[in-house]
Amino acid sequence: MTGASVSGELRETLTRMLDAVAPGASLTDVRVLGGGVSAQSLRIEVSDAGGRRRTWTVRAGSRVSAREYQLLGELRDRDLGAPVPLYFDGFGALREPHVVLEFIDGAPRYPLVPDADFIRQAAERLALIHRTSPLSLQTPLPAVPDELDDADLPYEPGIDVEELAEGLREARRRRRNPPTFLHGDFWPGNWIWRDGALVGVIDWEDARIGDPLYDLAIARLECLWFFDEAAMTSLTERYVERTGVDVRDLPYWDLRAAARPLGQLSVWSAGWGDLGRPDVTPSHLAYRLQRFVDLARAAR
C-alpha cells in the first residue's frame, strides 16, 4: 500500500509522533507492511532536521512492549540481524504502545520450494540466536512454561485435538538441553532477505528463555506449512549440525508447537493471496498441522 492510500488521520498522527522521536523531522511517505498478526507495522520515510532521508519501521499494538525495546537495544551489537530500536512509547500519539525501529532493507520470501541455501541460512541464524547466553542479557524475559495445559485445547476444524492432547500427556519432556535465549516466533515471515542473503530477523516480542527445541519446533511446523517435509527435515538437520542439541524430546516440543495455532488458523491464513501464496488457506494449514501431529506421535 502506498503512502497515498494511507488516511490523512494516520498521517497526522504519525506527524505528531515524529515530534517526540525526531523534532524537526517531516513525514514524506508511509507504507503499510503486511504479514503482521500481533501488531500493525508501517514503513515510514522521513526527512530529518538536517535534510537527511531516513527509513523507519513503526510497530503498534497491545503486544508491543518496553521489554522488547530494551531487548533490541541489547541485541544491537550481537550480529543477529535484529532491528535497531529508536523510540518507545506506551501510549502517546498513536494511543497504543508503539516502537520505532531502523528499517531493515529487504523482505520475507515464501518460495514454494526453497533451495538448500535458503534453509541453511535460516538454520544457521537460529543456531546463532541460541548461542546468545541468557546470563548476558539484562532484559527480564519470561521462561517457557514447564508443561502445557492440555485439558482445554481450543477446537480447530480438521484437527484431532484429542489426539494432540493425548500425545502431550504421553510425551512428557525430560529437560535434556540447558535453557537458552529464544526468539519465540522464528518463522519465514520474520526472516528478512536481500539479494539472496538473510539480513534480518524481526518481531522479537515473544523472546524468552527455554529449551532450544521450543524455537526449532515452531520453525519446523512453519517449514511444513509453507514449504514441505523435505524443507522441515533439512532445517532440522542443518540446525543440529550447528548446535549438537539433544533432539530426543523433539516430538514433545513439536506437539507443543502444534497446539499454539489451535483456534486461529482462519486468522493466520488471511491475506496470503496478496503475498503470492493463494494455496495458504485454513484447510491447507489444518491438513499439514494434522500431518505434523501425526509425525510427532509416530516419532515418540
C-alpha atoms as a PDB file:
ATOM      1  CA  MET A   1       0.000   0.000   0.000  1.00  0.00           C
ATOM      2  CA  THR A   2       1.465   3.366  -0.987  1.00  0.00           C
ATOM      3  CA  GLY A   3       1.541   6.477   1.110  1.00  0.00           C
ATOM      4  CA  ALA A   4      -1.339   7.964  -0.902  1.00  0.00           C
ATOM      5  CA  SER A   5      -3.581   5.131   0.311  1.00  0.00           C
ATOM      6  CA  VAL A   6      -2.956   5.887   3.977  1.00  0.00           C
ATOM      7  CA  SER A   7      -5.598   8.009   5.657  1.00  0.00           C
ATOM      8  CA  GLY A   8      -4.955  11.644   6.387  1.00  0.00           C
ATOM      9  CA  GLU A   9      -5.749  10.990  10.045  1.00  0.00           C
ATOM     10  CA  LEU A  10      -2.986   8.406  10.269  1.00  0.00           C
ATOM     11  CA  ARG A  11      -0.520  10.782   8.615  1.00  0.00           C
ATOM     12  CA  GLU A  12      -1.401  13.486  11.132  1.00  0.00           C
ATOM     13  CA  THR A  13      -0.953  11.026  13.998  1.00  0.00           C
ATOM     14  CA  LEU A  14       2.448   9.930  12.719  1.00  0.00           C
ATOM     15  CA  THR A  15       3.487  13.560  12.307  1.00  0.00           C
ATOM     16  CA  ARG A  16       2.700  14.154  15.977  1.00  0.00           C
ATOM     17  CA  MET A  17       4.707  11.065  16.885  1.00  0.00           C
ATOM     18  CA  LEU A  18       7.698  12.424  14.942  1.00  0.00           C
ATOM     19  CA  ASP A  19       7.712  15.493  17.170  1.00  0.00           C
ATOM     20  CA  ALA A  20       8.719  13.182  20.027  1.00  0.00           C
ATOM     21  CA  VAL A  21      11.055  10.899  18.061  1.00  0.00           C
ATOM     22  CA  ALA A  22      12.912  13.457  15.948  1.00  0.00           C
ATOM     23  CA  PRO A  23      11.930  17.094  16.484  1.00  0.00           C
ATOM     24  CA  GLY A  24      12.015  18.997  13.214  1.00  0.00           C
ATOM     25  CA  ALA A  25      11.620  15.883  11.030  1.00  0.00           C
ATOM     26  CA  SER A  26       8.933  15.735   8.358  1.00  0.00           C
ATOM     27  CA  LEU A  27       6.987  12.715   7.131  1.00  0.00           C
ATOM     28  CA  THR A  28       7.470  12.047   3.407  1.00  0.00           C
ATOM     29  CA  ASP A  29       5.905   8.610   2.846  1.00  0.00           C
ATOM     30  CA  VAL A  30       4.009   5.844   4.644  1.00  0.00           C
ATOM     31  CA  ARG A  31       3.551   2.221   3.606  1.00  0.00           C
ATOM     32  CA  VAL A  32       1.619  -0.498   5.388  1.00  0.00           C
ATOM     33  CA  LEU A  33       3.701  -3.649   5.821  1.00  0.00           C
ATOM     34  CA  GLY A  34       1.732  -6.876   5.512  1.00  0.00           C
ATOM     35  CA  GLY A  35       2.049 -10.156   7.335  1.00  0.00           C
ATOM     36  CA  GLY A  36       1.651  -8.985  10.937  1.00  0.00           C
ATOM     37  CA  VAL A  37      -0.810 -10.686  13.277  1.00  0.00           C
ATOM     38  CA  SER A  38       0.048  -9.338  16.726  1.00  0.00           C
ATOM     39  CA  ALA A  39       0.886  -5.761  15.699  1.00  0.00           C
ATOM     40  CA  GLN A  40       0.434  -3.326  12.821  1.00  0.00           C
ATOM     41  CA  SER A  41       3.656  -2.410  11.058  1.00  0.00           C
ATOM     42  CA  LEU A  42       4.293   0.695   8.979  1.00  0.00           C
ATOM     43  CA  ARG A  43       7.277   1.713   6.922  1.00  0.00           C
ATOM     44  CA  ILE A  44       7.748   5.455   7.127  1.00  0.00           C
ATOM     45  CA  GLU A  45      10.167   7.707   5.324  1.00  0.00           C
ATOM     46  CA  VAL A  46      11.163  10.943   6.983  1.00  0.00           C
ATOM     47  CA  SER A  47      13.396  13.895   6.297  1.00  0.00           C
ATOM     48  CA  ASP A  48      15.164  14.874   9.496  1.00  0.00           C
ATOM     49  CA  ALA A  49      16.010  18.401  10.623  1.00  0.00           C
ATOM     50  CA  GLY A  50      19.315  18.195   8.741  1.00  0.00           C
ATOM     51  CA  GLY A  51      17.644  17.166   5.499  1.00  0.00           C
ATOM     52  CA  ARG A  52      18.732  13.521   5.623  1.00  0.00           C
ATOM     53  CA  ARG A  53      16.221  10.925   4.460  1.00  0.00           C
ATOM     54  CA  ARG A  54      15.621   8.119   6.943  1.00  0.00           C
ATOM     55  CA  THR A  55      13.505   4.963   6.711  1.00  0.00           C
ATOM     56  CA  TRP A  56      11.969   3.570   9.875  1.00  0.00           C
ATOM     57  CA  THR A  57       9.520   0.866  10.890  1.00  0.00           C
ATOM     58  CA  VAL A  58       6.716   1.731  13.303  1.00  0.00           C
ATOM     59  CA  ARG A  59       5.115  -1.201  15.097  1.00  0.00           C
ATOM     60  CA  ALA A  60       1.994  -0.555  17.133  1.00  0.00           C
ATOM     61  CA  GLY A  61      -0.285  -2.847  19.092  1.00  0.00           C
ATOM     62  CA  SER A  62      -1.126  -4.212  22.501  1.00  0.00           C
ATOM     63  CA  ARG A  63       1.785  -6.676  22.454  1.00  0.00           C
ATOM     64  CA  VAL A  64       4.455  -4.079  21.668  1.00  0.00           C
ATOM     65  CA  SER A  65       6.320  -3.533  24.924  1.00  0.00           C
ATOM     66  CA  ALA A  66       9.105  -1.662  26.646  1.00  0.00           C
ATOM     67  CA  ARG A  67      10.686  -5.066  27.275  1.00  0.00           C
ATOM     68  CA  GLU A  68      11.038  -5.709  23.532  1.00  0.00           C
ATOM     69  CA  TYR A  69      12.522  -2.224  23.092  1.00  0.00           C
ATOM     70  CA  GLN A  70      15.059  -2.875  25.848  1.00  0.00           C
ATOM     71  CA  LEU A  71      15.945  -6.282  24.426  1.00  0.00           C
ATOM     72  CA  LEU A  72      16.535  -4.908  20.932  1.00  0.00           C
ATOM     73  CA  GLY A  73      18.918  -2.385  22.430  1.00  0.00           C
ATOM     74  CA  GLU A  74      20.921  -5.229  23.960  1.00  0.00           C
ATOM     75  CA  LEU A  75      20.938  -7.193  20.708  1.00  0.00           C
ATOM     76  CA  ARG A  76      22.169  -4.246  18.647  1.00  0.00           C
ATOM     77  CA  ASP A  77      25.818  -5.307  18.504  1.00  0.00           C
ATOM     78  CA  ARG A  78      25.386  -9.092  18.520  1.00  0.00           C
ATOM     79  CA  ASP A  79      25.092  -9.664  14.749  1.00  0.00           C
ATOM     80  CA  LEU A  80      21.744 -11.439  14.999  1.00  0.00           C
ATOM     81  CA  GLY A  81      20.058  -9.196  12.434  1.00  0.00           C
ATOM     82  CA  ALA A  82      17.675  -7.651  14.959  1.00  0.00           C
ATOM     83  CA  PRO A  83      16.377  -4.162  14.076  1.00  0.00           C
ATOM     84  CA  VAL A  84      17.903  -1.181  15.859  1.00  0.00           C
ATOM     85  CA  PRO A  85      15.417   0.433  18.282  1.00  0.00           C
ATOM     86  CA  LEU A  86      14.984   4.213  18.219  1.00  0.00           C
ATOM     87  CA  TYR A  87      11.981   5.077  20.350  1.00  0.00           C
ATOM     88  CA  PHE A  88       9.247   3.523  22.502  1.00  0.00           C
ATOM     89  CA  ASP A  89       6.024   4.979  23.868  1.00  0.00           C
ATOM     90  CA  GLY A  90       3.418   3.123  25.892  1.00  0.00           C
ATOM     91  CA  PHE A  91       0.607   5.379  24.629  1.00  0.00           C
ATOM     92  CA  GLY A  92       1.482   8.714  23.062  1.00  0.00           C
ATOM     93  CA  ALA A  93       0.251   9.984  19.727  1.00  0.00           C
ATOM     94  CA  LEU A  94      -0.803   6.553  18.442  1.00  0.00           C
ATOM     95  CA  ARG A  95      -2.853   5.900  21.597  1.00  0.00           C
ATOM     96  CA  GLU A  96      -1.413   2.395  21.927  1.00  0.00           C
ATOM     97  CA  PRO A  97       2.058   1.027  22.645  1.00  0.00           C
ATOM     98  CA  HIS A  98       4.417   1.601  19.724  1.00  0.00           C
ATOM     99  CA  VAL A  99       8.080   1.285  18.892  1.00  0.00           C
ATOM    100  CA  VAL A 100      10.132   2.974  16.177  1.00  0.00           C
ATOM    101  CA  LEU A 101      12.921   0.906  14.608  1.00  0.00           C
ATOM    102  CA  GLU A 102      15.519   1.331  11.913  1.00  0.00           C
ATOM    103  CA  PHE A 103      14.061  -0.255   8.784  1.00  0.00           C
ATOM    104  CA  ILE A 104      15.870  -3.392   7.589  1.00  0.00           C
ATOM    105  CA  ASP A 105      16.124  -3.147   3.812  1.00  0.00           C
ATOM    106  CA  GLY A 106      14.681  -6.399   2.499  1.00  0.00           C
ATOM    107  CA  ALA A 107      11.560  -8.537   2.706  1.00  0.00           C
ATOM    108  CA  PRO A 108      10.384 -12.016   3.686  1.00  0.00           C
ATOM    109  CA  ARG A 109      10.351 -14.696   0.986  1.00  0.00           C
ATOM    110  CA  TYR A 110       7.865 -17.533   0.617  1.00  0.00           C
ATOM    111  CA  PRO A 111       9.080 -19.806  -2.199  1.00  0.00           C
ATOM    112  CA  LEU A 112       7.018 -22.913  -2.832  1.00  0.00           C
ATOM    113  CA  VAL A 113      10.218 -24.949  -2.844  1.00  0.00           C
ATOM    114  CA  PRO A 114      13.107 -23.265  -1.023  1.00  0.00           C
ATOM    115  CA  ASP A 115      16.613 -24.080  -2.158  1.00  0.00           C
ATOM    116  CA  ALA A 116      19.254 -25.565   0.116  1.00  0.00           C
ATOM    117  CA  ASP A 117      20.936 -22.210   0.763  1.00  0.00           C
ATOM    118  CA  PHE A 118      17.661 -20.663   1.957  1.00  0.00           C
ATOM    119  CA  ILE A 119      17.236 -23.425   4.533  1.00  0.00           C
ATOM    120  CA  ARG A 120      20.912 -23.389   5.502  1.00  0.00           C
ATOM    121  CA  GLN A 121      20.889 -19.667   6.254  1.00  0.00           C
ATOM    122  CA  ALA A 122      17.721 -19.932   8.334  1.00  0.00           C
ATOM    123  CA  ALA A 123      19.127 -22.840  10.366  1.00  0.00           C
ATOM    124  CA  GLU A 124      22.427 -21.060  10.934  1.00  0.00           C
ATOM    125  CA  ARG A 125      20.665 -17.890  12.090  1.00  0.00           C
ATOM    126  CA  LEU A 126      18.577 -19.835  14.590  1.00  0.00           C
ATOM    127  CA  ALA A 127      21.727 -21.523  15.880  1.00  0.00           C
ATOM    128  CA  LEU A 128      23.393 -18.117  16.220  1.00  0.00           C
ATOM    129  CA  ILE A 129      20.455 -16.767  18.218  1.00  0.00           C
ATOM    130  CA  HIS A 130      20.653 -19.747  20.548  1.00  0.00           C
ATOM    131  CA  ARG A 131      24.341 -19.141  21.190  1.00  0.00           C
ATOM    132  CA  THR A 132      23.390 -15.928  22.999  1.00  0.00           C
ATOM    133  CA  SER A 133      23.766 -16.630  26.711  1.00  0.00           C
ATOM    134  CA  PRO A 134      20.692 -15.667  28.777  1.00  0.00           C
ATOM    135  CA  LEU A 135      23.102 -14.579  31.510  1.00  0.00           C
ATOM    136  CA  SER A 136      24.490 -11.903  29.175  1.00  0.00           C
ATOM    137  CA  LEU A 137      21.105 -10.154  28.902  1.00  0.00           C
ATOM    138  CA  GLN A 138      19.711  -7.662  31.396  1.00  0.00           C
ATOM    139  CA  THR A 139      16.215  -7.620  29.897  1.00  0.00           C
ATOM    140  CA  PRO A 140      13.821  -9.679  32.064  1.00  0.00           C
ATOM    141  CA  LEU A 141      12.485 -12.436  29.819  1.00  0.00           C
ATOM    142  CA  PRO A 142       9.789 -14.982  30.666  1.00  0.00           C
ATOM    143  CA  ALA A 143      10.610 -18.663  30.845  1.00  0.00           C
ATOM    144  CA  VAL A 144       8.839 -21.208  28.681  1.00  0.00           C
ATOM    145  CA  PRO A 145       6.336 -22.983  30.978  1.00  0.00           C
ATOM    146  CA  ASP A 146       7.449 -26.464  32.004  1.00  0.00           C
ATOM    147  CA  GLU A 147       4.207 -28.006  30.809  1.00  0.00           C
ATOM    148  CA  LEU A 148       1.284 -27.071  28.601  1.00  0.00           C
ATOM    149  CA  ASP A 149      -2.238 -27.386  29.994  1.00  0.00           C
ATOM    150  CA  ASP A 150      -3.725 -29.903  27.588  1.00  0.00           C
ATOM    151  CA  ALA A 151      -7.079 -30.154  29.365  1.00  0.00           C
ATOM    152  CA  ASP A 152      -8.834 -27.493  27.303  1.00  0.00           C
ATOM    153  CA  LEU A 153      -7.150 -27.108  23.921  1.00  0.00           C
ATOM    154  CA  PRO A 154      -9.199 -24.927  21.513  1.00  0.00           C
ATOM    155  CA  TYR A 155     -11.260 -26.563  18.793  1.00  0.00           C
ATOM    156  CA  GLU A 156      -9.840 -26.322  15.288  1.00  0.00           C
ATOM    157  CA  PRO A 157     -11.660 -27.707  12.220  1.00  0.00           C
ATOM    158  CA  GLY A 158      -9.698 -30.544  10.615  1.00  0.00           C
ATOM    159  CA  ILE A 159      -7.550 -31.230  13.688  1.00  0.00           C
ATOM    160  CA  ASP A 160      -7.935 -34.183  16.042  1.00  0.00           C
ATOM    161  CA  VAL A 161      -7.462 -32.106  19.183  1.00  0.00           C
ATOM    162  CA  GLU A 162      -7.972 -35.084  21.483  1.00  0.00           C
ATOM    163  CA  GLU A 163      -5.169 -36.936  19.700  1.00  0.00           C
ATOM    164  CA  LEU A 164      -2.921 -33.913  20.214  1.00  0.00           C
ATOM    165  CA  ALA A 165      -3.843 -33.668  23.904  1.00  0.00           C
ATOM    166  CA  GLU A 166      -3.206 -37.398  24.366  1.00  0.00           C
ATOM    167  CA  GLY A 167       0.166 -37.060  22.668  1.00  0.00           C
ATOM    168  CA  LEU A 168       1.152 -34.240  25.003  1.00  0.00           C
ATOM    169  CA  ARG A 169       0.175 -36.306  28.037  1.00  0.00           C
ATOM    170  CA  GLU A 170       2.204 -39.279  26.829  1.00  0.00           C
ATOM    171  CA  ALA A 171       5.304 -37.376  25.709  1.00  0.00           C
ATOM    172  CA  ARG A 172       6.405 -35.550  28.844  1.00  0.00           C
ATOM    173  CA  ARG A 173       9.800 -33.979  28.337  1.00  0.00           C
ATOM    174  CA  ARG A 174      12.932 -34.724  30.317  1.00  0.00           C
ATOM    175  CA  ARG A 175      14.832 -31.432  30.119  1.00  0.00           C
ATOM    176  CA  ARG A 176      17.755 -32.737  28.112  1.00  0.00           C
ATOM    177  CA  ASN A 177      19.017 -29.300  26.961  1.00  0.00           C
ATOM    178  CA  PRO A 178      20.060 -26.351  29.138  1.00  0.00           C
ATOM    179  CA  PRO A 179      17.840 -23.278  28.772  1.00  0.00           C
ATOM    180  CA  THR A 180      18.932 -20.724  26.215  1.00  0.00           C
ATOM    181  CA  PHE A 181      17.806 -17.444  24.693  1.00  0.00           C
ATOM    182  CA  LEU A 182      14.880 -17.958  22.291  1.00  0.00           C
ATOM    183  CA  HIS A 183      13.394 -15.766  19.571  1.00  0.00           C
ATOM    184  CA  GLY A 184       9.960 -17.210  20.295  1.00  0.00           C
ATOM    185  CA  ASP A 185       8.449 -16.899  16.799  1.00  0.00           C
ATOM    186  CA  PHE A 186      11.103 -17.976  14.302  1.00  0.00           C
ATOM    187  CA  TRP A 187       9.080 -18.371  11.114  1.00  0.00           C
ATOM    188  CA  PRO A 188       9.619 -17.273   7.474  1.00  0.00           C
ATOM    189  CA  GLY A 189       7.540 -14.115   7.884  1.00  0.00           C
ATOM    190  CA  ASN A 190      10.138 -12.848  10.354  1.00  0.00           C
ATOM    191  CA  TRP A 191      13.148 -13.646   8.125  1.00  0.00           C
ATOM    192  CA  ILE A 192      14.250 -10.630   6.067  1.00  0.00           C
ATOM    193  CA  TRP A 193      16.100 -11.320   2.813  1.00  0.00           C
ATOM    194  CA  ARG A 194      18.016  -9.128   0.388  1.00  0.00           C
ATOM    195  CA  ASP A 195      19.833 -10.370  -2.721  1.00  0.00           C
ATOM    196  CA  GLY A 196      19.672 -13.971  -1.537  1.00  0.00           C
ATOM    197  CA  ALA A 197      21.069 -13.237   1.927  1.00  0.00           C
ATOM    198  CA  LEU A 198      19.237 -13.466   5.247  1.00  0.00           C
ATOM    199  CA  VAL A 199      19.933  -9.955   6.529  1.00  0.00           C
ATOM    200  CA  GLY A 200      17.485  -9.593   9.397  1.00  0.00           C
ATOM    201  CA  VAL A 201      15.169 -11.232  11.894  1.00  0.00           C
ATOM    202  CA  ILE A 202      12.228  -9.169  13.139  1.00  0.00           C
ATOM    203  CA  ASP A 203       9.414  -9.306  15.728  1.00  0.00           C
ATOM    204  CA  TRP A 204      11.163 -10.195  18.981  1.00  0.00           C
ATOM    205  CA  GLU A 205       8.126  -9.641  21.198  1.00  0.00           C
ATOM    206  CA  ASP A 206       7.910 -13.354  22.099  1.00  0.00           C
ATOM    207  CA  ALA A 207      11.563 -13.720  23.112  1.00  0.00           C
ATOM    208  CA  ARG A 208      12.014 -15.910  26.171  1.00  0.00           C
ATOM    209  CA  ILE A 209      14.259 -18.414  27.923  1.00  0.00           C
ATOM    210  CA  GLY A 210      13.894 -22.157  27.490  1.00  0.00           C
ATOM    211  CA  ASP A 211      14.810 -25.342  25.679  1.00  0.00           C
ATOM    212  CA  PRO A 212      16.139 -24.549  22.189  1.00  0.00           C
ATOM    213  CA  LEU A 213      13.772 -27.208  20.821  1.00  0.00           C
ATOM    214  CA  TYR A 214      10.919 -24.791  21.547  1.00  0.00           C
ATOM    215  CA  ASP A 215      12.145 -22.496  18.750  1.00  0.00           C
ATOM    216  CA  LEU A 216      13.164 -25.366  16.493  1.00  0.00           C
ATOM    217  CA  ALA A 217       9.728 -26.996  16.703  1.00  0.00           C
ATOM    218  CA  ILE A 218       7.995 -23.739  15.741  1.00  0.00           C
ATOM    219  CA  ALA A 219      10.315 -23.325  12.760  1.00  0.00           C
ATOM    220  CA  ARG A 220       9.723 -26.953  11.753  1.00  0.00           C
ATOM    221  CA  LEU A 221       5.949 -26.525  11.692  1.00  0.00           C
ATOM    222  CA  GLU A 222       6.224 -23.306   9.711  1.00  0.00           C
ATOM    223  CA  CYS A 223       8.501 -25.006   7.159  1.00  0.00           C
ATOM    224  CA  LEU A 224       5.965 -27.801   6.753  1.00  0.00           C
ATOM    225  CA  TRP A 225       3.155 -25.263   6.364  1.00  0.00           C
ATOM    226  CA  PHE A 226       4.796 -23.017   3.784  1.00  0.00           C
ATOM    227  CA  PHE A 227       7.269 -25.396   2.142  1.00  0.00           C
ATOM    228  CA  ASP A 228       7.266 -29.188   2.578  1.00  0.00           C
ATOM    229  CA  GLU A 229       8.519 -32.081   4.702  1.00  0.00           C
ATOM    230  CA  ALA A 230      11.888 -32.056   2.952  1.00  0.00           C
ATOM    231  CA  ALA A 231      12.451 -28.412   3.975  1.00  0.00           C
ATOM    232  CA  MET A 232      11.385 -29.192   7.542  1.00  0.00           C
ATOM    233  CA  THR A 233      13.795 -32.113   7.743  1.00  0.00           C
ATOM    234  CA  SER A 234      16.650 -30.183   6.148  1.00  0.00           C
ATOM    235  CA  LEU A 235      16.238 -27.254   8.550  1.00  0.00           C
ATOM    236  CA  THR A 236      16.360 -29.657  11.472  1.00  0.00           C
ATOM    237  CA  GLU A 237      19.470 -31.443  10.204  1.00  0.00           C
ATOM    238  CA  ARG A 238      21.348 -28.211   9.460  1.00  0.00           C
ATOM    239  CA  TYR A 239      20.435 -26.786  12.874  1.00  0.00           C
ATOM    240  CA  VAL A 240      21.539 -29.912  14.754  1.00  0.00           C
ATOM    241  CA  GLU A 241      24.819 -29.945  12.806  1.00  0.00           C
ATOM    242  CA  ARG A 242      25.486 -26.404  14.021  1.00  0.00           C
ATOM    243  CA  THR A 243      24.427 -26.854  17.637  1.00  0.00           C
ATOM    244  CA  GLY A 244      24.660 -30.501  18.628  1.00  0.00           C
ATOM    245  CA  VAL A 245      21.469 -30.185  20.694  1.00  0.00           C
ATOM    246  CA  ASP A 246      19.805 -33.309  22.019  1.00  0.00           C
ATOM    247  CA  VAL A 247      16.673 -33.853  19.906  1.00  0.00           C
ATOM    248  CA  ARG A 248      15.240 -36.875  21.715  1.00  0.00           C
ATOM    249  CA  ASP A 249      12.478 -34.672  23.155  1.00  0.00           C
ATOM    250  CA  LEU A 250      11.679 -33.076  19.788  1.00  0.00           C
ATOM    251  CA  PRO A 251       8.358 -34.974  19.371  1.00  0.00           C
ATOM    252  CA  TYR A 252       7.144 -33.388  22.618  1.00  0.00           C
ATOM    253  CA  TRP A 253       8.122 -29.895  21.501  1.00  0.00           C
ATOM    254  CA  ASP A 254       6.576 -30.495  18.075  1.00  0.00           C
ATOM    255  CA  LEU A 255       3.290 -31.235  19.825  1.00  0.00           C
ATOM    256  CA  ARG A 256       3.690 -28.082  21.919  1.00  0.00           C
ATOM    257  CA  ALA A 257       4.222 -26.099  18.712  1.00  0.00           C
ATOM    258  CA  ALA A 258       1.179 -27.759  17.139  1.00  0.00           C
ATOM    259  CA  ALA A 259      -1.028 -26.531  19.979  1.00  0.00           C
ATOM    260  CA  ARG A 260      -0.085 -22.858  19.500  1.00  0.00           C
ATOM    261  CA  PRO A 261      -2.255 -22.076  16.441  1.00  0.00           C
ATOM    262  CA  LEU A 262      -5.362 -24.005  17.510  1.00  0.00           C
ATOM    263  CA  GLY A 263      -8.448 -21.857  17.033  1.00  0.00           C
ATOM    264  CA  GLN A 264      -6.555 -19.304  14.922  1.00  0.00           C
ATOM    265  CA  LEU A 265      -5.959 -20.892  11.522  1.00  0.00           C
ATOM    266  CA  SER A 266      -8.605 -18.773   9.804  1.00  0.00           C
ATOM    267  CA  VAL A 267      -6.801 -15.650  11.055  1.00  0.00           C
ATOM    268  CA  TRP A 268      -3.295 -16.924  10.341  1.00  0.00           C
ATOM    269  CA  SER A 269      -4.233 -17.855   6.770  1.00  0.00           C
ATOM    270  CA  ALA A 270      -5.700 -14.462   5.841  1.00  0.00           C
ATOM    271  CA  GLY A 271      -4.041 -12.344   3.158  1.00  0.00           C
ATOM    272  CA  TRP A 272      -1.684 -14.918   1.698  1.00  0.00           C
ATOM    273  CA  GLY A 273      -3.059 -14.463  -1.802  1.00  0.00           C
ATOM    274  CA  ASP A 274      -1.666 -10.918  -1.766  1.00  0.00           C
ATOM    275  CA  LEU A 275       1.739 -12.374  -0.856  1.00  0.00           C
ATOM    276  CA  GLY A 276       1.767 -14.720  -3.825  1.00  0.00           C
ATOM    277  CA  ARG A 277       0.657 -17.801  -1.887  1.00  0.00           C
ATOM    278  CA  PRO A 278      -3.061 -18.368  -2.580  1.00  0.00           C
ATOM    279  CA  ASP A 279      -2.515 -22.008  -1.597  1.00  0.00           C
ATOM    280  CA  VAL A 280      -2.197 -20.983   2.067  1.00  0.00           C
ATOM    281  CA  THR A 281      -5.791 -21.468   3.222  1.00  0.00           C
ATOM    282  CA  PRO A 282      -7.314 -22.666   6.520  1.00  0.00           C
ATOM    283  CA  SER A 283      -7.760 -26.156   5.062  1.00  0.00           C
ATOM    284  CA  HIS A 284      -4.134 -26.237   3.839  1.00  0.00           C
ATOM    285  CA  LEU A 285      -2.826 -25.219   7.273  1.00  0.00           C
ATOM    286  CA  ALA A 286      -5.133 -27.691   9.033  1.00  0.00           C
ATOM    287  CA  TYR A 287      -4.111 -30.587   6.791  1.00  0.00           C
ATOM    288  CA  ARG A 288      -0.406 -30.007   7.338  1.00  0.00           C
ATOM    289  CA  LEU A 289      -0.861 -29.306  11.043  1.00  0.00           C
ATOM    290  CA  GLN A 290      -2.552 -32.670  11.461  1.00  0.00           C
ATOM    291  CA  ARG A 291       0.292 -34.236   9.487  1.00  0.00           C
ATOM    292  CA  PHE A 292       2.755 -32.575  11.881  1.00  0.00           C
ATOM    293  CA  VAL A 293       0.911 -34.043  14.870  1.00  0.00           C
ATOM    294  CA  ASP A 294       0.872 -37.490  13.286  1.00  0.00           C
ATOM    295  CA  LEU A 295       4.608 -37.350  12.602  1.00  0.00           C
ATOM    296  CA  ALA A 296       5.356 -36.279  16.177  1.00  0.00           C
ATOM    297  CA  ARG A 297       3.254 -39.078  17.658  1.00  0.00           C
ATOM    298  CA  ALA A 298       4.856 -41.654  15.390  1.00  0.00           C
ATOM    299  CA  ALA A 299       8.358 -40.485  16.375  1.00  0.00           C
ATOM    300  CA  ARG A 300       7.996 -40.614  20.155  1.00  0.00           C
END
